[in-house]
Protein backbone atom coordinates (compact mmCIF):
# COMPACT_ATOMS: atom_id res chain seq x y z
CA UNK A 1 29.88 114.38 -12.06
CA UNK A 2 30.52 110.65 -12.25
CA UNK A 3 30.75 108.57 -9.07
CA UNK A 4 34.41 107.80 -9.77
CA UNK A 5 35.35 111.47 -9.46
CA UNK A 6 33.23 111.79 -6.32
CA UNK A 7 35.04 108.87 -4.69
CA UNK A 8 38.36 110.51 -5.60
CA UNK A 9 37.21 113.70 -3.88
CA UNK A 10 36.29 111.71 -0.75
CA UNK A 11 39.70 110.01 -0.84
CA UNK A 12 41.34 113.43 -1.26
CA UNK A 13 39.42 114.68 1.78
CA UNK A 14 40.58 111.67 3.78
CA UNK A 15 44.25 112.20 2.86
CA UNK A 16 44.10 115.91 3.70
CA UNK A 17 42.18 115.39 6.94
CA UNK A 18 44.02 112.35 8.26
CA UNK A 19 47.57 113.25 7.20
CA UNK A 20 48.11 116.87 6.22
CA UNK A 21 45.81 118.50 8.79
CA UNK A 22 46.97 116.06 11.44
CA UNK A 23 50.47 117.01 12.56
CA UNK A 24 52.79 114.72 14.50
CA UNK A 25 51.96 116.74 17.62
CA UNK A 26 48.22 116.22 17.19
CA UNK A 27 48.76 112.50 16.56
CA UNK A 28 50.70 112.22 19.84
CA UNK A 29 48.05 114.19 21.76
CA UNK A 30 45.35 111.90 20.33
CA UNK A 31 47.06 108.94 22.02
CA UNK A 32 46.83 110.63 25.44
CA UNK A 33 43.59 112.64 25.34
CA UNK A 34 40.22 111.82 23.80
CA UNK A 35 39.63 115.58 23.44
CA UNK A 36 42.17 115.67 20.63
CA UNK A 37 40.44 112.73 18.96
CA UNK A 38 37.32 114.90 18.67
CA UNK A 39 39.35 117.94 17.54
CA UNK A 40 40.87 115.78 14.80
CA UNK A 41 37.35 114.65 13.86
CA UNK A 42 36.24 118.26 13.35
CA UNK A 43 39.34 118.97 11.21
CA UNK A 44 38.59 115.84 9.19
CA UNK A 45 35.00 116.98 8.57
CA UNK A 46 36.33 120.38 7.49
CA UNK A 47 38.69 118.71 5.00
CA UNK A 48 35.80 116.68 3.59
CA UNK A 49 33.70 119.82 3.12
CA UNK A 50 36.57 121.74 1.48
CA UNK A 51 37.34 118.99 -1.05
CA UNK A 52 33.67 118.59 -2.00
CA UNK A 53 32.99 122.34 -2.42
CA UNK A 54 32.83 122.02 -6.25
CA UNK A 55 29.81 119.70 -5.86
CA UNK A 56 28.43 121.02 -2.57
CA UNK A 57 24.80 120.19 -1.79
CA UNK A 58 22.75 118.95 1.16
CA UNK A 59 23.34 115.33 0.13
CA UNK A 60 27.10 115.86 -0.23
CA UNK A 61 27.35 117.56 3.20
CA UNK A 62 25.35 114.69 4.72
CA UNK A 63 27.71 112.12 3.18
CA UNK A 64 30.72 114.10 4.46
CA UNK A 65 29.17 114.15 7.94
CA UNK A 66 28.49 110.39 7.92
CA UNK A 67 32.04 109.65 6.70
CA UNK A 68 33.47 111.91 9.42
CA UNK A 69 31.36 110.31 12.17
CA UNK A 70 32.44 106.81 11.11
CA UNK A 71 36.03 108.02 10.95
CA UNK A 72 35.64 109.39 14.49
CA UNK A 73 34.24 106.08 15.77
CA UNK A 74 37.20 104.16 14.34
CA UNK A 75 39.61 106.64 15.94
CA UNK A 76 37.87 106.33 19.33
CA UNK A 77 38.12 102.53 19.16
CA UNK A 78 41.80 102.90 18.27
CA UNK A 79 42.31 105.30 21.19
CA UNK A 80 40.71 102.87 23.66
CA UNK A 81 42.65 99.92 22.26
CA UNK A 82 45.95 101.79 22.35
CA UNK A 83 45.33 102.93 25.95
CA UNK A 84 44.83 99.33 27.05
CA UNK A 85 47.86 98.09 25.10
CA UNK A 86 50.22 100.76 26.47
CA UNK A 87 49.31 99.75 30.03
CA UNK A 88 49.97 96.04 29.40
CA UNK A 89 53.04 96.14 27.15
CA UNK A 90 56.29 98.10 27.30
CA UNK A 91 57.39 97.69 23.66
CA UNK A 92 54.45 98.89 21.57
CA UNK A 93 56.26 99.84 18.33
CA UNK A 94 55.08 96.78 16.39
CA UNK A 95 51.57 97.05 17.85
CA UNK A 96 51.36 100.75 16.96
CA UNK A 97 52.54 99.94 13.44
CA UNK A 98 49.87 97.25 13.03
CA UNK A 99 47.19 99.54 14.46
CA UNK A 100 48.18 102.26 11.97
CA UNK A 101 47.64 99.99 8.97
CA UNK A 102 44.46 98.43 10.37
CA UNK A 103 43.17 101.96 11.08
CA UNK A 104 43.87 103.14 7.52
CA UNK A 105 42.38 99.98 6.02
CA UNK A 106 39.16 100.51 7.98
CA UNK A 107 38.97 104.17 6.90
CA UNK A 108 39.37 103.23 3.21
CA UNK A 109 36.81 100.42 3.53
CA UNK A 110 34.44 102.95 5.11
CA UNK A 111 34.82 105.26 2.09
CA UNK A 112 34.17 102.34 -0.27
CA UNK A 113 31.08 101.31 1.72
CA UNK A 114 29.71 104.88 1.76
CA UNK A 115 30.35 105.13 -1.99
CA UNK A 116 28.45 101.88 -2.49
CA UNK A 117 25.46 103.30 -0.59
CA UNK A 118 25.60 106.52 -2.64
CA UNK A 119 25.47 104.50 -5.87
CA UNK A 120 22.72 102.17 -4.60
CA UNK A 121 20.59 105.15 -3.51
CA UNK A 122 21.33 106.81 -6.85
CA UNK A 123 22.24 110.12 -5.18
CA UNK A 124 22.68 112.80 -7.83
CA UNK A 125 26.06 114.55 -7.75
CA UNK A 126 26.05 117.91 -9.54
CA UNK A 127 29.06 120.02 -10.40
CA UNK A 128 29.34 123.72 -9.74
CA UNK A 129 28.85 125.71 -12.95
CA UNK A 130 32.17 127.50 -12.48
CA UNK A 131 34.04 124.19 -12.32
CA UNK A 132 32.26 122.89 -15.39
CA UNK A 133 33.06 126.07 -17.32
CA UNK A 134 36.74 125.82 -16.33
CA UNK A 135 36.83 122.21 -17.56
CA UNK A 136 35.17 123.18 -20.87
CA UNK A 137 37.40 126.22 -21.51
CA UNK A 138 40.72 124.53 -20.84
CA UNK A 139 39.60 121.11 -22.11
CA UNK A 140 41.24 119.29 -19.21
CA UNK A 141 40.29 115.91 -17.81
CA UNK A 142 38.77 115.98 -14.33
CA UNK A 143 40.00 112.46 -13.66
CA UNK A 144 43.56 113.33 -14.69
CA UNK A 145 43.65 116.45 -12.52
CA UNK A 146 42.33 114.59 -9.47
CA UNK A 147 44.62 111.62 -10.18
CA UNK A 148 47.78 113.75 -10.23
CA UNK A 149 46.77 115.70 -7.12
CA UNK A 150 46.05 112.45 -5.26
CA UNK A 151 49.25 110.81 -6.51
CA UNK A 152 51.55 113.62 -5.36
CA UNK A 153 49.75 113.94 -2.01
CA UNK A 154 49.98 110.18 -1.39
CA UNK A 155 53.69 109.85 -2.21
CA UNK A 156 54.58 112.65 0.20
CA UNK A 157 53.33 112.50 3.80
CA UNK A 158 51.21 109.30 3.75
CA UNK A 159 54.01 107.36 2.03
CA UNK A 160 56.65 108.74 4.40
CA UNK A 161 54.60 107.78 7.46
CA UNK A 162 53.72 104.32 6.09
CA UNK A 163 57.35 103.55 5.19
CA UNK A 164 58.53 104.80 8.58
CA UNK A 165 56.00 102.52 10.33
CA UNK A 166 57.03 99.51 8.23
CA UNK A 167 60.73 100.04 8.90
CA UNK A 168 60.50 100.95 12.59
CA UNK A 169 61.64 97.51 13.80
CA UNK A 170 64.52 97.39 11.29
CA UNK A 171 65.96 100.82 12.09
CA UNK A 172 69.70 100.58 12.91
CA UNK A 173 70.77 101.25 16.48
CA UNK A 174 73.73 103.28 17.69
CA UNK A 175 76.55 102.00 19.89
CA UNK A 176 74.43 102.46 23.02
CA UNK A 177 71.63 100.35 21.56
CA UNK A 178 69.31 103.28 20.93
CA UNK A 179 67.37 103.68 17.71
CA UNK A 180 68.73 106.55 15.67
CA UNK A 181 66.27 109.36 15.02
CA UNK A 182 65.34 110.32 11.46
CA UNK A 183 65.67 113.89 10.26
CA UNK A 184 63.27 115.67 7.96
CA UNK A 185 65.86 115.82 5.17
CA UNK A 186 65.67 112.05 4.70
CA UNK A 187 61.89 112.13 4.32
CA UNK A 188 62.08 115.08 1.92
CA UNK A 189 64.65 113.22 -0.20
CA UNK A 190 62.26 110.25 -0.29
CA UNK A 191 59.43 112.50 -1.51
CA UNK A 192 61.57 114.02 -4.27
CA UNK A 193 62.80 110.56 -5.27
CA UNK A 194 59.25 109.19 -5.56
CA UNK A 195 58.04 112.30 -7.42
CA UNK A 196 60.78 111.97 -10.05
CA UNK A 197 60.11 108.23 -10.44
CA UNK A 198 56.36 108.88 -10.79
CA UNK A 199 56.98 111.39 -13.59
CA UNK A 200 59.36 108.99 -15.35
CA UNK A 201 56.80 106.17 -15.07
CA UNK A 202 54.03 108.38 -16.45
CA UNK A 203 56.05 109.21 -19.59
CA UNK A 204 57.37 105.68 -20.05
CA UNK A 205 61.03 106.44 -19.21
CA UNK A 206 61.52 103.34 -17.07
CA UNK A 207 65.30 103.10 -17.51
CA UNK A 208 65.75 106.64 -16.13
CA UNK A 209 64.47 105.43 -12.75
CA UNK A 210 67.75 103.55 -12.35
CA UNK A 211 69.63 106.86 -12.44
CA UNK A 212 67.59 108.18 -9.50
CA UNK A 213 68.25 105.07 -7.42
CA UNK A 214 71.95 105.08 -8.38
CA UNK A 215 72.38 108.73 -7.34
CA UNK A 216 70.73 107.96 -4.02
CA UNK A 217 72.98 104.95 -3.44
CA UNK A 218 76.17 106.89 -4.25
CA UNK A 219 75.34 109.46 -1.58
CA UNK A 220 75.08 106.68 1.03
CA UNK A 221 77.75 104.36 -0.40
CA UNK A 222 80.31 104.84 2.37
CA UNK A 223 77.88 103.88 5.12
CA UNK A 224 76.27 101.11 3.06
CA UNK A 225 79.65 99.45 2.51
CA UNK A 226 80.62 99.59 6.19
CA UNK A 227 77.37 98.89 8.05
CA UNK A 228 75.46 95.76 7.08
CA UNK A 229 72.46 96.62 9.26
CA UNK A 230 72.13 100.03 7.64
CA UNK A 231 72.62 98.53 4.15
CA UNK A 232 69.70 96.13 4.71
CA UNK A 233 67.58 98.91 6.21
CA UNK A 234 68.42 101.20 3.28
CA UNK A 235 67.67 98.53 0.65
CA UNK A 236 64.36 97.61 2.28
CA UNK A 237 63.32 101.26 2.46
CA UNK A 238 64.26 101.87 -1.17
CA UNK A 239 62.34 98.81 -2.37
CA UNK A 240 59.23 99.76 -0.39
CA UNK A 241 59.45 103.36 -1.65
CA UNK A 242 59.74 102.13 -5.24
CA UNK A 243 56.78 99.77 -4.74
CA UNK A 244 54.68 102.68 -3.45
CA UNK A 245 55.46 104.69 -6.58
CA UNK A 246 54.57 101.77 -8.87
CA UNK A 247 51.21 101.27 -7.10
CA UNK A 248 50.43 105.02 -7.10
CA UNK A 249 51.41 105.28 -10.80
CA UNK A 250 48.27 103.29 -11.68
CA UNK A 251 46.28 106.35 -10.54
CA UNK A 252 47.76 108.48 -13.33
């Protein structure tokens, strides 16, 4: 197996461990108790092992362990920093947003650094015979399979969380001045929207993307035309969502 595919497996493990195995409840508990930071670390290590099963070996397990330990250290630093910030400041929405993106950037840089060490040390990555036979029989591209899996996983939960964090300070308020809560339907619509756009981009049907955005706008037209704050919030969210799809499309 080439190093590119191995890095994609590590990235897949990170996405599964840090987003899909980490529920909103766990994320909230992590902010209040260091115990949950360690529980998340164990889940993250499990995700790394699961995604690297096709190439499992002592070296691969060791790399997964090192990645998980570094991930844990970053999360502990984040926990300590957030605990200090919450005590000093009342409004922490912007700070939490910035910490989220700094946290993810450090995790990705860690994966890149570990991958650099793996290449420098010339660690041999061997595929499981069963996987290799499957690839040979069906004549499928490993890179394409991993790319599509990563793409669809990224545009769902990670994209929804990232967009929510980016828009948190622009979210319209109700008459009492309270920020309106999102429902899951809105996030699911965003996932479907990005999935359709990704497929259209992959087959070169760029003009069809306009139909998706138009249909979405028609559904919200009444509110867009009456509430300027919501219209700006909606437009910003749509543009960011579209940008995410364009960036992710380079994977496939």
